[in-house]
Each structure stands twice: as C-alpha cells, then as structure tokens.
Protein backbone atom coordinates (compact mmCIF):
# COMPACT_ATOMS: atom_id res chain seq x y z
CA MET A 1 104.45 95.90 92.81
CA LYS A 2 105.83 93.26 95.26
CA LYS A 3 107.07 94.82 98.53
CA ILE A 4 110.72 93.65 99.36
CA GLY A 5 112.35 93.50 103.07
CA PHE A 6 114.78 91.88 104.84
CA LEU A 7 114.18 88.83 107.56
CA SER A 8 117.03 88.86 110.54
CA PHE A 9 117.12 85.94 112.67
CA GLY A 10 119.66 87.87 115.11
CA HIS A 11 122.48 85.39 115.67
CA TRP A 12 125.31 86.29 117.48
CA ASN A 13 128.48 84.44 118.29
CA PRO A 14 131.41 85.32 120.37
CA SER A 15 133.81 84.15 117.60
CA PRO A 16 136.27 86.57 116.31
CA GLN A 17 135.24 86.18 113.02
CA SER A 18 131.52 86.98 113.67
CA GLY A 19 130.49 90.82 113.12
CA ALA A 20 127.98 90.37 116.08
CA ARG A 21 129.69 88.71 119.04
CA SER A 22 127.03 89.69 121.58
CA ALA A 23 123.47 90.70 121.90
CA ALA A 24 124.21 94.18 122.23
CA ASP A 25 125.66 94.14 119.26
CA VAL A 26 122.87 92.23 117.36
CA LEU A 27 120.12 94.56 118.73
CA LEU A 28 122.04 97.82 117.87
CA GLN A 29 123.07 96.48 114.55
CA SER A 30 119.50 95.49 113.81
CA ILE A 31 118.21 98.94 114.35
CA ASP A 32 121.13 99.99 111.97
CA LEU A 33 120.30 97.52 109.42
CA ALA A 34 116.40 98.76 109.25
CA VAL A 35 117.67 102.37 109.03
CA ALA A 36 119.92 101.48 105.93
CA ALA A 37 117.34 99.25 104.56
CA GLU A 38 115.01 102.28 104.46
CA GLU A 39 117.33 104.58 103.08
CA LEU A 40 117.85 102.05 100.06
CA GLY A 41 113.78 102.11 99.63
CA ALA A 42 113.26 98.72 100.91
CA ASP A 43 109.83 97.94 102.31
CA GLY A 44 110.12 96.00 105.27
CA ALA A 45 112.28 95.01 108.60
CA TYR A 46 111.46 91.72 110.12
CA PHE A 47 113.07 89.70 113.02
CA ARG A 48 112.48 86.27 113.96
CA VAL A 49 112.17 85.21 117.55
CA HIS A 50 113.59 82.74 119.52
CA HIS A 51 113.97 81.59 123.02
CA PHE A 52 116.87 79.85 124.87
CA ALA A 53 119.33 80.92 122.00
CA ARG A 54 122.00 83.35 121.10
CA GLN A 55 119.43 84.79 118.94
CA LEU A 56 116.76 87.91 118.97
CA ALA A 57 114.25 86.92 121.62
CA SER A 58 111.84 89.50 123.35
CA PRO A 59 110.60 91.78 119.95
CA PHE A 60 108.84 94.32 121.24
CA PRO A 61 111.70 96.55 122.55
CA LEU A 62 113.59 96.17 119.39
CA LEU A 63 110.29 96.78 117.17
CA ALA A 64 109.87 100.00 119.15
CA ALA A 65 113.35 101.27 118.77
CA VAL A 66 113.08 100.58 115.24
CA GLY A 67 110.26 102.39 114.81
CA ALA A 68 111.46 105.35 116.79
CA ARG A 69 114.53 105.51 114.12
CA THR A 70 112.53 105.19 110.95
CA SER A 71 109.74 106.93 109.52
CA ARG A 72 108.34 104.73 106.56
CA ILE A 73 109.71 101.10 106.73
CA GLU A 74 107.54 98.22 107.90
CA ILE A 75 108.57 96.82 110.66
CA GLY A 76 107.53 93.18 111.64
CA THR A 77 108.08 89.69 113.11
CA ALA A 78 108.50 86.22 111.54
CA VAL A 79 107.41 84.86 114.03
CA ILE A 80 106.61 85.09 117.49
CA ASP A 81 105.84 81.77 119.34
CA MET A 82 102.32 82.05 120.76
CA ARG A 83 103.06 79.25 123.12
CA TYR A 84 105.47 81.62 125.02
CA GLU A 85 103.08 84.44 125.03
CA ASN A 86 100.67 86.08 127.50
CA PRO A 87 98.18 87.57 124.98
CA LEU A 88 97.07 90.26 127.40
CA TYR A 89 100.51 91.75 128.06
CA MET A 90 101.17 91.10 124.28
CA ILE A 91 98.38 93.59 123.50
CA GLU A 92 100.09 96.09 125.54
CA ASP A 93 103.60 95.62 124.28
CA ALA A 94 102.50 95.36 120.42
CA GLY A 95 99.78 98.73 121.03
CA SER A 96 102.73 100.57 122.47
CA ALA A 97 105.30 99.64 119.62
CA ASP A 98 102.88 100.08 116.98
CA LEU A 99 101.90 103.75 118.20
CA ILE A 100 105.33 104.86 118.49
CA ALA A 101 105.98 103.41 114.52
CA GLY A 102 102.90 105.48 113.64
CA GLY A 103 101.08 102.29 112.69
CA ARG A 104 103.62 100.53 110.60
CA LEU A 105 103.92 97.05 112.57
CA GLN A 106 103.33 93.49 110.81
CA LEU A 107 102.97 91.12 113.42
CA GLY A 108 103.75 87.76 112.36
CA ILE A 109 102.73 85.18 115.03
CA SER A 110 102.77 81.28 114.89
CA ARG A 111 102.51 77.87 117.14
CA GLY A 112 105.97 78.05 116.52
CA SER A 113 108.81 75.85 115.56
CA PRO A 114 111.46 73.20 116.83
CA GLU A 115 113.00 74.56 120.03
CA GLN A 116 116.36 74.73 121.84
CA VAL A 117 114.97 72.86 124.85
CA ILE A 118 112.39 70.54 125.62
CA ASP A 119 109.25 72.36 126.28
CA GLY A 120 110.33 75.62 126.58
CA TRP A 121 107.17 77.18 127.06
CA ARG A 122 106.65 75.29 130.35
CA HIS A 123 109.32 77.55 131.92
CA PHE A 124 107.36 80.57 130.94
CA GLY A 125 104.54 79.26 133.09
CA TYR A 126 102.45 78.15 130.32
CA GLN A 127 100.96 74.50 129.85
CA PRO A 128 98.00 72.96 127.25
CA GLY A 129 94.60 72.80 128.53
CA GLU A 130 93.10 69.49 129.13
CA GLY A 131 93.01 67.30 125.96
CA GLU A 132 95.15 69.84 124.13
CA ASP A 133 98.57 69.55 122.59
CA ASP A 134 101.33 72.73 122.78
CA ALA A 135 100.19 73.62 119.19
CA GLY A 136 96.47 73.94 120.16
CA MET A 137 97.67 76.24 123.11
CA GLY A 138 99.69 78.32 120.85
CA ARG A 139 96.52 78.66 118.84
CA ARG A 140 94.30 79.46 121.63
CA HIS A 141 96.54 82.06 122.71
CA ALA A 142 96.67 83.49 119.26
CA GLU A 143 92.51 83.86 119.05
CA ILE A 144 92.69 85.36 122.56
CA PHE A 145 95.06 88.17 121.22
CA LEU A 146 93.12 88.56 117.99
CA ASP A 147 90.05 89.03 120.22
CA LEU A 148 91.59 91.71 122.51
CA LEU A 149 92.86 93.34 119.38
CA ARG A 150 89.40 94.48 118.65
CA GLY A 151 89.39 96.90 121.95
CA GLN A 152 86.16 95.84 123.35
CA GLY A 153 86.02 96.33 127.26
CA PHE A 154 85.81 93.23 129.29
CA ALA A 155 86.82 94.00 132.59
CA ARG A 156 84.37 95.15 135.32
CA PRO A 157 86.01 98.85 136.66
CA ASN A 158 87.06 98.94 140.42
CA PRO A 159 84.08 101.14 141.95
CA ARG A 160 87.16 103.11 143.63
CA PRO A 161 89.78 103.45 141.66
CA MET A 162 93.17 105.15 141.52
CA PHE A 163 91.92 107.31 138.39
CA PRO A 164 88.85 108.04 136.91
CA ASN A 165 87.31 105.64 134.49
CA PRO A 166 85.52 105.83 131.39
CA PRO A 167 82.10 104.52 131.36
CA GLY A 168 81.01 100.61 131.11
CA LEU A 169 83.56 97.51 130.86
CA LEU A 170 87.22 98.59 130.69
CA ARG A 171 89.92 97.17 127.95
CA LEU A 172 93.45 97.07 127.87
CA GLU A 173 95.76 99.72 126.99
CA PRO A 174 97.10 101.55 124.78
CA ILE A 175 95.21 99.61 121.92
CA SER A 176 96.47 100.47 118.03
CA GLU A 177 93.87 101.05 115.73
CA GLY A 178 94.50 98.71 112.44
CA LEU A 179 96.23 96.44 114.38
CA ARG A 180 94.09 93.98 114.18
CA GLU A 181 94.53 93.80 110.13
CA ARG A 182 98.18 93.78 110.15
CA ILE A 183 98.42 90.44 111.97
CA TRP A 184 99.94 87.39 110.03
CA TRP A 185 99.94 83.59 110.57
CA GLY A 186 103.22 81.65 110.22
CA ALA A 187 101.57 78.55 108.51
CA GLY A 188 103.58 75.46 108.10
CA SER A 189 100.75 73.50 106.65
CA ASN A 190 98.04 73.85 104.30
CA ALA A 191 95.46 73.15 106.63
CA THR A 192 97.01 76.02 109.33
CA ALA A 193 96.97 78.40 106.27
CA ILE A 194 93.24 77.97 105.72
CA TRP A 195 92.45 78.33 109.50
CA ALA A 196 94.52 81.54 109.38
CA ALA A 197 92.61 82.94 106.66
CA LYS A 198 89.26 82.21 108.35
CA LEU A 199 90.32 84.16 111.30
CA GLY A 200 91.34 86.90 109.07
CA MET A 201 95.05 86.97 109.46
CA ASN A 202 97.33 87.54 106.84
CA LEU A 203 99.87 84.41 105.62
CA GLN A 204 103.74 84.32 106.15
CA SER A 205 105.06 81.11 104.38
CA SER A 206 108.96 80.58 105.08
CA THR A 207 111.41 78.21 103.68
CA LEU A 208 110.09 75.36 105.46
CA LYS A 209 106.43 73.66 105.37
CA SER A 210 105.32 70.34 105.83
CA ASP A 211 105.81 67.85 103.06
CA GLU A 212 102.31 67.01 102.08
CA THR A 213 102.60 66.10 98.58
CA GLY A 214 106.42 65.09 97.43
CA GLU A 215 106.51 68.00 94.97
CA PRO A 216 108.97 70.74 95.01
CA PHE A 217 108.93 73.36 97.61
CA HIS A 218 108.03 76.45 95.39
CA ILE A 219 104.95 74.24 93.89
CA GLN A 220 103.82 73.22 97.58
CA GLN A 221 104.22 76.72 98.86
CA ALA A 222 102.36 77.98 95.77
CA ALA A 223 99.65 75.54 96.62
CA GLN A 224 99.38 76.71 100.21
CA ILE A 225 98.98 80.19 99.15
CA ARG A 226 96.11 79.41 96.38
CA SER A 227 94.59 77.33 99.31
CA PHE A 228 94.60 80.54 101.69
CA ARG A 229 93.29 82.78 99.16
CA ALA A 230 90.24 80.65 98.24
CA ALA A 231 89.70 80.23 102.43
CA TRP A 232 89.87 83.78 102.66
CA LYS A 233 87.44 84.46 99.82
CA GLU A 234 84.95 81.73 101.27
CA ALA A 235 85.01 83.34 104.83
CA GLY A 236 83.71 86.49 103.25
CA HIS A 237 86.27 89.08 104.50
CA THR A 238 86.19 92.50 102.70
CA ARG A 239 89.76 93.43 102.57
CA GLU A 240 92.78 91.86 100.51
CA PRO A 241 94.70 89.39 102.44
CA ARG A 242 98.81 89.92 102.54
CA VAL A 243 100.91 86.92 101.71
CA SER A 244 104.66 86.55 102.49
CA VAL A 245 107.40 84.54 101.41
CA SER A 246 111.11 84.40 102.51
CA ARG A 247 114.25 83.51 100.65
CA SER A 248 117.70 83.19 100.68
CA ILE A 249 118.82 85.14 97.75
CA PHE A 250 122.31 86.58 96.71
CA ALA A 251 123.20 88.29 93.71
CA LEU A 252 126.86 87.74 93.29
CA VAL A 253 128.18 91.18 92.25
CA ASP A 254 131.32 91.25 93.69
CA ASP A 255 134.46 89.02 94.90
CA ARG A 256 133.00 89.44 98.34
CA ASP A 257 129.51 87.85 97.35
CA ARG A 258 131.49 85.05 95.35
CA SER A 259 133.29 84.36 98.19
CA TYR A 260 130.73 83.96 100.90
CA PHE A 261 127.71 82.39 98.42
CA GLY A 262 128.90 81.56 95.52
CA HIS A 263 129.48 77.63 96.58
CA GLU A 264 125.04 77.83 96.67
CA GLN A 265 124.85 78.31 93.09
CA ASP A 266 123.69 74.56 92.91
CA GLY A 267 120.98 74.94 95.82
CA LYS A 268 118.61 72.29 95.97
CA ASP A 269 115.68 71.54 98.14
CA GLN A 270 116.22 69.66 101.70
CA ILE A 271 114.10 67.11 103.11
CA GLY A 272 113.97 66.50 106.86
CA PHE A 273 112.01 66.05 109.83
CA ILE A 274 111.27 68.56 112.41
CA ASP A 275 110.23 65.80 114.82
CA GLU A 276 109.65 62.21 114.94
CA ASN A 277 106.75 62.33 113.02
CA SER A 278 106.58 65.42 110.66
CA ARG A 279 108.29 65.31 107.10
CA ALA A 280 109.38 68.83 106.19
CA ILE A 281 110.58 70.15 103.05
CA PHE A 282 113.43 73.26 103.25
CA GLY A 283 113.22 75.33 100.39
CA ARG A 284 116.50 76.19 98.26
CA SER A 285 118.90 78.89 98.67
CA TYR A 286 119.61 81.25 95.61
CA ALA A 287 123.04 82.76 94.61
CA ALA A 288 124.06 83.50 91.08
CA GLU A 289 125.10 86.21 88.90
CA PRO A 290 121.88 88.75 88.50
CA ASP A 291 121.32 87.41 84.97
CA VAL A 292 121.02 83.85 86.12
CA LEU A 293 119.14 84.69 89.29
CA ILE A 294 116.91 86.68 87.78
CA GLU A 295 115.37 83.47 85.35
CA GLN A 296 115.76 81.14 88.54
CA LEU A 297 113.56 83.25 90.16
CA LYS A 298 111.03 83.64 87.67
CA GLN A 299 110.44 79.96 87.89
CA ASP A 300 109.69 80.28 91.45
CA GLU A 301 105.76 79.74 91.73
CA ALA A 302 105.46 80.81 95.32
CA ILE A 303 107.35 84.01 94.91
CA ALA A 304 104.86 84.72 91.96
CA GLU A 305 101.94 84.13 93.91
CA ALA A 306 103.04 86.36 97.08
CA ASP A 307 102.84 90.14 97.70
CA THR A 308 105.86 90.25 100.01
CA LEU A 309 109.31 88.97 99.48
CA LEU A 310 111.51 88.59 102.77
CA LEU A 311 115.02 88.51 101.91
CA THR A 312 117.02 86.22 104.98
CA VAL A 313 120.18 88.06 105.73
CA PRO A 314 123.35 86.76 106.94
CA ASN A 315 123.29 88.91 110.05
CA GLN A 316 126.70 87.86 111.57
CA LEU A 317 128.37 89.43 108.16
CA GLY A 318 127.75 92.81 109.93
CA VAL A 319 125.17 96.07 108.65
CA ALA A 320 127.28 97.18 105.70
CA TYR A 321 127.72 93.66 103.86
CA ASN A 322 123.82 93.16 104.66
CA ALA A 323 123.01 96.64 103.37
CA HIS A 324 124.89 95.62 99.90
CA VAL A 325 122.88 92.72 99.72
CA ILE A 326 119.61 94.38 100.01
CA GLU A 327 120.76 97.10 97.62
CA ALA A 328 121.85 94.25 95.33
CA ILE A 329 118.32 92.65 95.05
CA LEU A 330 116.92 96.08 94.64
CA THR A 331 118.78 97.25 91.93
CA HIS A 332 119.80 94.55 89.99
CA ILE A 333 116.90 91.62 90.45
CA ALA A 334 113.71 93.35 91.62
CA PRO A 335 113.20 95.72 88.31
CA ALA A 336 113.81 92.93 85.95
CA LEU A 337 111.26 90.88 87.44
CA GLY A 338 108.24 93.89 87.42
CA TRP A 339 108.54 94.00 91.21
CA ARG A 340 109.00 97.93 91.68
C-alpha cells in the first residue's frame, strides 16, 4: 500500500481568473482542502513554504488550524527552508502544532531552493559561519533542531524562577514525543539523501534534483532512493524509513480536466540550471485518460520505490476542483496500481 496525499504551493494572484486572490483565500482554502481530502480518504495534506512570494510561508499556524479541523490525515510540509529558521523557536512551534494535531505532523525540512530575493535569509538575521556557505548553515540549523527534538534539558534554571521548575537542566516546551521520527529531509542530490539517512530522517524527493547521470528523471530519482535506503541500513537505524515523491498527475475524466490539462499529455523531463553552476533535471507532468495514465505511471521507477506519493495540486483552481483531482486519482488510478 502507498500513502497518497496532496502538496500545495499555496499561490495567490489578484487576477479575476484566480480562485485564490489573497493570502486569506489561500490559507482558508488550504484548510478546507485538507478537510475535503480527509473525507475522500487521502492520507496527507502537505504544504510548500516560500518566503518573499505570494505563496504559503510561515507554516505552523496553518498546520495547527488543519490539525484542529481534521482527525486522521497526516499534515506536513515539503519543505521548510532551514536557512530561515531559528531551530529553538521552531521546536516550540512544531511541538504545539503536533500536539494540536494529535501527533500527525510530518515535517519536511531542507536547505532550501532558489529564492525570490538575493540571500533572503540575511533579512531574517542569519548568516553562514566562518568557512560555511548558506547550504551548510541550513544543514547546521537542521542538526540543532533534530538534537533539540530529543527533549533533553540543556538550559541552566534560574535559582529564583517565576514558576517552580522540575529538577535539572530545562528543555524547550512543549516537546511532542515521537516527532523526531517524523522529520523528513528534502534532498536534491544523492549525497544529501545519504546524509539525511545517516541522521535518521525520512526522505522527501520532489520533481527536481541535480542531474547527476543524464538519465531520465525517474531513473535518477529511483537511484537516489535506493542510495538513501542503503545508507539507512548501514547506519543501523532500527525503524523503517519513509520515502515520498511528488508528481503532477491529472486523470482526464471530464471536460474540465481536458480543458485545463489535456495539452500536457506529452509531458517530458526538462533540463535547467537552478543557479550559475547547478544543472538540474525537472520531472515530467502526467495528464491522460485513466487507462493511459495507469500504464504511464507503471513505468515510473521512483514512484515504485517510494511509499508515499504527493500530488501537486493547482490550488488557484479552487477547493472543489482540487478535491475532484484528488478523488479521480484515488478512484481511477490508485486501485489499478495496487496502491490501496
């Protein structure tokens, strides 16, 4: 069985053609879509985090609100850019949201992606240490966050506190037990996937990764997943890791689908550069009649390797249509591939 959820970037645009014209629209519709997805039987509601953009940014108020409105569905991010994060404050935010959700958070974190502004993390008060680049800073913030999630005391208590303290060094509160095992790393290369495995994080692999071999995207991504699992086993972790991949997949079952996505039926991988020196490969989108789509997805090696599939949704088309997109996959595609 695979878990199937949705991933929303949370775009808004004031255009009359957009179904999400403001930040308030996106936030409230994100909650409604998570509720609808749970009712349809989906397994996860995941949200992207981007700064300085008309997209979802600070994730924890949204995650807490979704947690309060739902009861079963996993709630996550894909991904939080750790270059922008204070890992100590993040412990408190994450712990609170996870407790509200009853332990359903699945937090995807990463060193981040190309930004809207130059070195945006500097505006948040962060800068790399001596001999460290911004990617290293993001990984350092992640390691601090993971260490704090163990819930060990580290701060010396005030001898005259406002409130009574438990004995010993103090930790940040609230700590949500079990959240440490529900942290995922968004890896853009094989090396960072291996690094994540060594630290005991689950793996999130999206529709973009470093082009390391020149092979088709899904083959490179499948190799990345196998490298991650091998490194996990070598590290001696006792639990089974989880791996997610994200895809744009649209089953063309009515005229709306054909109007919106029928032109994408011949989707192909794309090659580009995410900065001056980093060649990347972008995975194709899938859009076809259900029987054709099933055969196409059977050939995707990375989907076969993963245990969780995140469907990227066109959130500006509104809650009702996106619920239809999710339902079409759950109804027409997932059973034929043995996912449910």
